[in-house]
Amino acid sequence: MRNHVQKGENITIPSPAVVASGDLVVVGALYGVAAGDAAVGADLDLVTTGVYTLPKVSALAIAIGDKIYFDTATKLINKTASGNTYIGVAVAAAANPSGTVAVRLNPSF
């Protein structure tokens, strides 16, 4: 196929902010986990598939299969759809209190 660009599992974009490896990055409807550190405007490799341990609202219990959303203001995972970006589903339970949850990223579209 002459028009195939790539599989899309890793996307390189200009970094929208200072990013550390492992950070969840959301740019419009595109999201992924940073594969490395990047300064603003530098090339940033986003991994758009897989399961990642991500920081969550501590005082929130999450069950396996719960829909997971990202709050760009707090940079934390929660279960609130309104005003947040849907990114995937929990693949492990996370207690209240706890600081992280394992999330399977869903495709951006």
N, C-alpha and C. Protein backbone atom coordinates (compact mmCIF):
# COMPACT_ATOMS: atom_id res chain seq x y z
N MET A 1 0.85 -1.18 0.00
CA MET A 1 0.00 0.00 0.00
C MET A 1 0.89 1.24 0.00
N ARG A 2 0.75 2.07 -0.97
CA ARG A 2 1.59 3.26 -1.07
C ARG A 2 1.19 4.36 -0.10
N ASN A 3 -0.03 4.34 0.39
CA ASN A 3 -0.49 5.42 1.28
C ASN A 3 -0.38 5.07 2.76
N HIS A 4 0.11 3.88 3.11
CA HIS A 4 0.26 3.50 4.52
C HIS A 4 1.42 4.28 5.13
N VAL A 5 1.19 4.90 6.27
CA VAL A 5 2.21 5.70 6.94
C VAL A 5 2.86 4.90 8.06
N GLN A 6 2.05 4.33 8.96
CA GLN A 6 2.56 3.56 10.09
C GLN A 6 1.41 2.84 10.76
N LYS A 7 1.72 1.93 11.70
CA LYS A 7 0.68 1.21 12.43
C LYS A 7 -0.11 2.12 13.35
N GLY A 8 0.53 3.15 13.90
CA GLY A 8 -0.16 4.08 14.77
C GLY A 8 -0.06 3.74 16.25
N GLU A 9 0.71 2.74 16.59
CA GLU A 9 0.89 2.40 18.00
C GLU A 9 1.74 3.44 18.71
N ASN A 10 2.66 4.05 17.97
CA ASN A 10 3.49 5.14 18.47
C ASN A 10 3.35 6.31 17.50
N ILE A 11 3.06 7.47 18.04
CA ILE A 11 2.87 8.67 17.24
C ILE A 11 3.88 9.71 17.71
N THR A 12 4.58 10.35 16.78
CA THR A 12 5.49 11.43 17.15
C THR A 12 4.82 12.76 16.86
N ILE A 13 4.73 13.61 17.91
CA ILE A 13 4.12 14.93 17.79
C ILE A 13 5.02 15.95 18.48
N PRO A 14 4.83 17.24 18.20
CA PRO A 14 5.53 18.26 19.01
C PRO A 14 4.96 18.25 20.42
N SER A 15 5.82 18.24 21.39
CA SER A 15 5.35 18.19 22.78
C SER A 15 4.59 19.46 23.14
N PRO A 16 3.37 19.31 23.68
CA PRO A 16 2.56 20.48 24.02
C PRO A 16 2.99 21.17 25.32
N ALA A 17 3.83 20.49 26.09
CA ALA A 17 4.30 21.00 27.39
C ALA A 17 5.57 20.25 27.74
N VAL A 18 6.18 20.59 28.86
CA VAL A 18 7.29 19.79 29.37
C VAL A 18 6.69 18.47 29.85
N VAL A 19 7.21 17.37 29.32
CA VAL A 19 6.63 16.05 29.59
C VAL A 19 7.72 15.12 30.10
N ALA A 20 7.37 14.30 31.08
CA ALA A 20 8.28 13.27 31.59
C ALA A 20 7.84 11.91 31.07
N SER A 21 8.79 11.03 30.91
CA SER A 21 8.50 9.67 30.47
C SER A 21 7.44 9.06 31.39
N GLY A 22 6.41 8.47 30.79
CA GLY A 22 5.33 7.85 31.55
C GLY A 22 4.14 8.75 31.80
N ASP A 23 4.27 10.05 31.48
CA ASP A 23 3.13 10.97 31.63
C ASP A 23 2.06 10.66 30.59
N LEU A 24 0.81 10.79 30.98
CA LEU A 24 -0.29 10.72 30.03
C LEU A 24 -0.41 12.10 29.39
N VAL A 25 -0.45 12.13 28.07
CA VAL A 25 -0.53 13.39 27.32
C VAL A 25 -1.80 13.38 26.49
N VAL A 26 -2.57 14.46 26.58
CA VAL A 26 -3.80 14.61 25.81
C VAL A 26 -3.67 15.85 24.94
N VAL A 27 -3.87 15.67 23.63
CA VAL A 27 -3.87 16.78 22.67
C VAL A 27 -5.13 16.62 21.83
N GLY A 28 -6.14 17.41 22.13
CA GLY A 28 -7.42 17.26 21.44
C GLY A 28 -7.98 15.87 21.70
N ALA A 29 -8.28 15.12 20.63
CA ALA A 29 -8.82 13.77 20.76
C ALA A 29 -7.72 12.71 20.77
N LEU A 30 -6.45 13.13 20.65
CA LEU A 30 -5.32 12.22 20.65
C LEU A 30 -4.73 12.13 22.04
N TYR A 31 -4.45 10.92 22.50
CA TYR A 31 -3.82 10.76 23.80
C TYR A 31 -2.93 9.53 23.78
N GLY A 32 -1.96 9.55 24.69
CA GLY A 32 -1.06 8.42 24.82
C GLY A 32 -0.11 8.66 25.97
N VAL A 33 0.76 7.70 26.21
CA VAL A 33 1.74 7.79 27.29
C VAL A 33 3.08 8.15 26.67
N ALA A 34 3.74 9.14 27.26
CA ALA A 34 5.03 9.60 26.76
C ALA A 34 6.07 8.50 26.89
N ALA A 35 6.76 8.21 25.79
CA ALA A 35 7.80 7.19 25.79
C ALA A 35 9.12 7.73 26.34
N GLY A 36 9.23 9.04 26.46
CA GLY A 36 10.44 9.66 26.99
C GLY A 36 10.16 11.09 27.40
N ASP A 37 11.16 11.74 27.96
CA ASP A 37 11.04 13.14 28.36
C ASP A 37 11.06 14.03 27.11
N ALA A 38 10.39 15.19 27.19
CA ALA A 38 10.42 16.13 26.07
C ALA A 38 10.18 17.54 26.57
N ALA A 39 10.87 18.49 25.97
CA ALA A 39 10.65 19.91 26.23
C ALA A 39 9.52 20.39 25.33
N VAL A 40 8.97 21.54 25.62
CA VAL A 40 7.90 22.12 24.80
C VAL A 40 8.37 22.23 23.36
N GLY A 41 7.59 21.70 22.43
CA GLY A 41 7.89 21.78 21.01
C GLY A 41 8.83 20.71 20.49
N ALA A 42 9.50 19.99 21.37
CA ALA A 42 10.41 18.92 20.93
C ALA A 42 9.59 17.71 20.48
N ASP A 43 10.21 16.84 19.70
CA ASP A 43 9.53 15.62 19.28
C ASP A 43 9.20 14.78 20.51
N LEU A 44 7.96 14.34 20.57
CA LEU A 44 7.47 13.52 21.67
C LEU A 44 6.85 12.27 21.08
N ASP A 45 7.34 11.11 21.50
CA ASP A 45 6.76 9.84 21.07
C ASP A 45 5.69 9.44 22.06
N LEU A 46 4.45 9.31 21.55
CA LEU A 46 3.32 8.87 22.36
C LEU A 46 2.99 7.43 22.02
N VAL A 47 2.86 6.61 23.05
CA VAL A 47 2.43 5.23 22.87
C VAL A 47 0.92 5.23 23.07
N THR A 48 0.17 4.81 22.06
CA THR A 48 -1.28 4.97 22.07
C THR A 48 -2.04 3.69 22.42
N THR A 49 -1.33 2.59 22.67
CA THR A 49 -1.98 1.33 23.02
C THR A 49 -1.28 0.71 24.22
N GLY A 50 -1.97 -0.17 24.91
CA GLY A 50 -1.36 -0.90 26.01
C GLY A 50 -2.01 -0.60 27.35
N VAL A 51 -1.42 -1.16 28.40
CA VAL A 51 -1.90 -0.98 29.77
C VAL A 51 -0.82 -0.25 30.56
N TYR A 52 -1.23 0.77 31.30
CA TYR A 52 -0.30 1.61 32.04
C TYR A 52 -0.82 1.88 33.45
N THR A 53 0.09 2.00 34.40
CA THR A 53 -0.25 2.44 35.74
C THR A 53 -0.21 3.96 35.72
N LEU A 54 -1.36 4.59 36.04
CA LEU A 54 -1.49 6.04 35.95
C LEU A 54 -1.97 6.61 37.28
N PRO A 55 -1.59 7.86 37.58
CA PRO A 55 -2.02 8.47 38.84
C PRO A 55 -3.51 8.79 38.82
N LYS A 56 -4.17 8.53 39.96
CA LYS A 56 -5.61 8.75 40.05
C LYS A 56 -5.95 9.61 41.26
N VAL A 57 -7.18 10.04 41.32
CA VAL A 57 -7.69 10.72 42.51
C VAL A 57 -7.61 9.71 43.65
N SER A 58 -6.89 10.04 44.71
CA SER A 58 -6.66 9.11 45.81
C SER A 58 -7.96 8.62 46.45
N ALA A 59 -8.88 9.54 46.73
CA ALA A 59 -10.13 9.21 47.43
C ALA A 59 -11.19 8.72 46.46
N LEU A 60 -10.84 7.74 45.63
CA LEU A 60 -11.77 7.21 44.63
C LEU A 60 -11.51 5.72 44.46
N ALA A 61 -12.54 4.91 44.66
CA ALA A 61 -12.45 3.47 44.40
C ALA A 61 -12.78 3.22 42.94
N ILE A 62 -12.00 2.38 42.30
CA ILE A 62 -12.22 2.04 40.90
C ILE A 62 -12.29 0.52 40.79
N ALA A 63 -13.27 0.02 40.05
CA ALA A 63 -13.43 -1.42 39.85
C ALA A 63 -12.93 -1.82 38.46
N ILE A 64 -12.59 -3.08 38.31
CA ILE A 64 -12.20 -3.59 37.00
C ILE A 64 -13.35 -3.33 36.03
N GLY A 65 -13.01 -2.79 34.86
CA GLY A 65 -14.00 -2.52 33.83
C GLY A 65 -14.62 -1.14 33.88
N ASP A 66 -14.35 -0.37 34.93
CA ASP A 66 -14.87 1.00 34.99
C ASP A 66 -14.28 1.84 33.85
N LYS A 67 -15.10 2.69 33.26
CA LYS A 67 -14.61 3.65 32.28
C LYS A 67 -13.72 4.65 33.00
N ILE A 68 -12.61 5.01 32.37
CA ILE A 68 -11.63 5.89 32.98
C ILE A 68 -11.49 7.17 32.16
N TYR A 69 -11.44 8.28 32.88
CA TYR A 69 -11.34 9.61 32.26
C TYR A 69 -10.12 10.33 32.82
N PHE A 70 -9.58 11.27 32.04
CA PHE A 70 -8.42 12.05 32.45
C PHE A 70 -8.81 13.50 32.60
N ASP A 71 -8.49 14.06 33.75
CA ASP A 71 -8.74 15.48 34.02
C ASP A 71 -7.47 16.24 33.70
N THR A 72 -7.48 17.03 32.63
CA THR A 72 -6.28 17.74 32.20
C THR A 72 -5.86 18.83 33.19
N ALA A 73 -6.78 19.32 34.01
CA ALA A 73 -6.43 20.35 35.00
C ALA A 73 -5.65 19.76 36.16
N THR A 74 -6.08 18.60 36.67
CA THR A 74 -5.42 17.98 37.83
C THR A 74 -4.36 16.96 37.42
N LYS A 75 -4.42 16.52 36.14
CA LYS A 75 -3.53 15.47 35.62
C LYS A 75 -3.74 14.13 36.33
N LEU A 76 -5.00 13.90 36.75
CA LEU A 76 -5.34 12.67 37.46
C LEU A 76 -6.46 11.92 36.76
N ILE A 77 -6.47 10.61 36.95
CA ILE A 77 -7.51 9.72 36.44
C ILE A 77 -8.71 9.78 37.38
N ASN A 78 -9.92 9.75 36.79
CA ASN A 78 -11.13 9.66 37.60
C ASN A 78 -12.21 8.92 36.81
N LYS A 79 -13.43 8.89 37.33
CA LYS A 79 -14.55 8.23 36.65
C LYS A 79 -15.61 9.22 36.19
N THR A 80 -15.26 10.50 36.15
CA THR A 80 -16.22 11.56 35.80
C THR A 80 -16.10 11.91 34.33
N ALA A 81 -17.18 11.69 33.58
CA ALA A 81 -17.16 11.97 32.15
C ALA A 81 -17.19 13.46 31.85
N SER A 82 -18.00 14.20 32.57
CA SER A 82 -18.22 15.62 32.28
C SER A 82 -16.93 16.43 32.39
N GLY A 83 -16.54 17.05 31.29
CA GLY A 83 -15.37 17.92 31.27
C GLY A 83 -14.04 17.20 31.18
N ASN A 84 -14.05 15.88 31.10
CA ASN A 84 -12.81 15.10 31.06
C ASN A 84 -12.71 14.29 29.78
N THR A 85 -11.54 13.72 29.52
CA THR A 85 -11.29 12.95 28.31
C THR A 85 -11.34 11.46 28.62
N TYR A 86 -12.22 10.74 27.90
CA TYR A 86 -12.31 9.28 28.05
C TYR A 86 -11.05 8.66 27.45
N ILE A 87 -10.33 7.84 28.24
CA ILE A 87 -9.09 7.26 27.73
C ILE A 87 -9.07 5.73 27.74
N GLY A 88 -9.95 5.08 28.50
CA GLY A 88 -9.91 3.63 28.52
C GLY A 88 -10.69 3.02 29.66
N VAL A 89 -10.26 1.80 30.06
CA VAL A 89 -10.94 1.07 31.12
C VAL A 89 -9.92 0.57 32.14
N ALA A 90 -10.38 0.45 33.38
CA ALA A 90 -9.54 -0.10 34.44
C ALA A 90 -9.40 -1.60 34.24
N VAL A 91 -8.19 -2.12 34.38
CA VAL A 91 -7.97 -3.57 34.25
C VAL A 91 -7.62 -4.18 35.60
N ALA A 92 -7.62 -3.36 36.64
CA ALA A 92 -7.42 -3.83 38.01
C ALA A 92 -8.20 -2.90 38.93
N ALA A 93 -8.61 -3.43 40.06
CA ALA A 93 -9.30 -2.59 41.04
C ALA A 93 -8.29 -1.69 41.74
N ALA A 94 -8.76 -0.50 42.13
CA ALA A 94 -7.93 0.44 42.89
C ALA A 94 -8.76 0.93 44.07
N ALA A 95 -8.22 0.81 45.25
CA ALA A 95 -8.94 1.15 46.47
C ALA A 95 -8.98 2.64 46.73
N ASN A 96 -9.88 3.02 47.63
CA ASN A 96 -9.92 4.37 48.20
C ASN A 96 -9.37 4.24 49.60
N PRO A 97 -8.25 4.80 49.95
CA PRO A 97 -7.35 5.61 49.13
C PRO A 97 -6.28 4.76 48.44
N SER A 98 -5.85 5.24 47.31
CA SER A 98 -4.68 4.71 46.59
C SER A 98 -4.31 5.72 45.52
N GLY A 99 -3.08 5.68 45.08
CA GLY A 99 -2.59 6.72 44.19
C GLY A 99 -2.56 6.39 42.72
N THR A 100 -2.75 5.10 42.36
CA THR A 100 -2.64 4.72 40.95
C THR A 100 -3.69 3.68 40.58
N VAL A 101 -3.86 3.51 39.26
CA VAL A 101 -4.75 2.48 38.73
C VAL A 101 -4.18 2.01 37.39
N ALA A 102 -4.34 0.72 37.09
CA ALA A 102 -3.91 0.16 35.81
C ALA A 102 -5.02 0.39 34.78
N VAL A 103 -4.66 1.05 33.67
CA VAL A 103 -5.63 1.43 32.65
C VAL A 103 -5.21 0.89 31.29
N ARG A 104 -6.17 0.27 30.60
CA ARG A 104 -5.94 -0.11 29.19
C ARG A 104 -6.42 1.05 28.34
N LEU A 105 -5.50 1.63 27.58
CA LEU A 105 -5.88 2.74 26.70
C LEU A 105 -6.78 2.22 25.59
N ASN A 106 -7.83 2.96 25.30
CA ASN A 106 -8.69 2.65 24.16
C ASN A 106 -8.26 3.52 22.99
N PRO A 107 -8.57 3.10 21.78
CA PRO A 107 -8.22 3.94 20.64
C PRO A 107 -8.79 5.35 20.80
N SER A 108 -8.08 6.34 20.27
CA SER A 108 -8.49 7.73 20.42
C SER A 108 -9.78 8.06 19.71
N PHE A 109 -10.21 7.23 18.79
CA PHE A 109 -11.39 7.61 18.00
C PHE A 109 -12.43 6.52 18.04
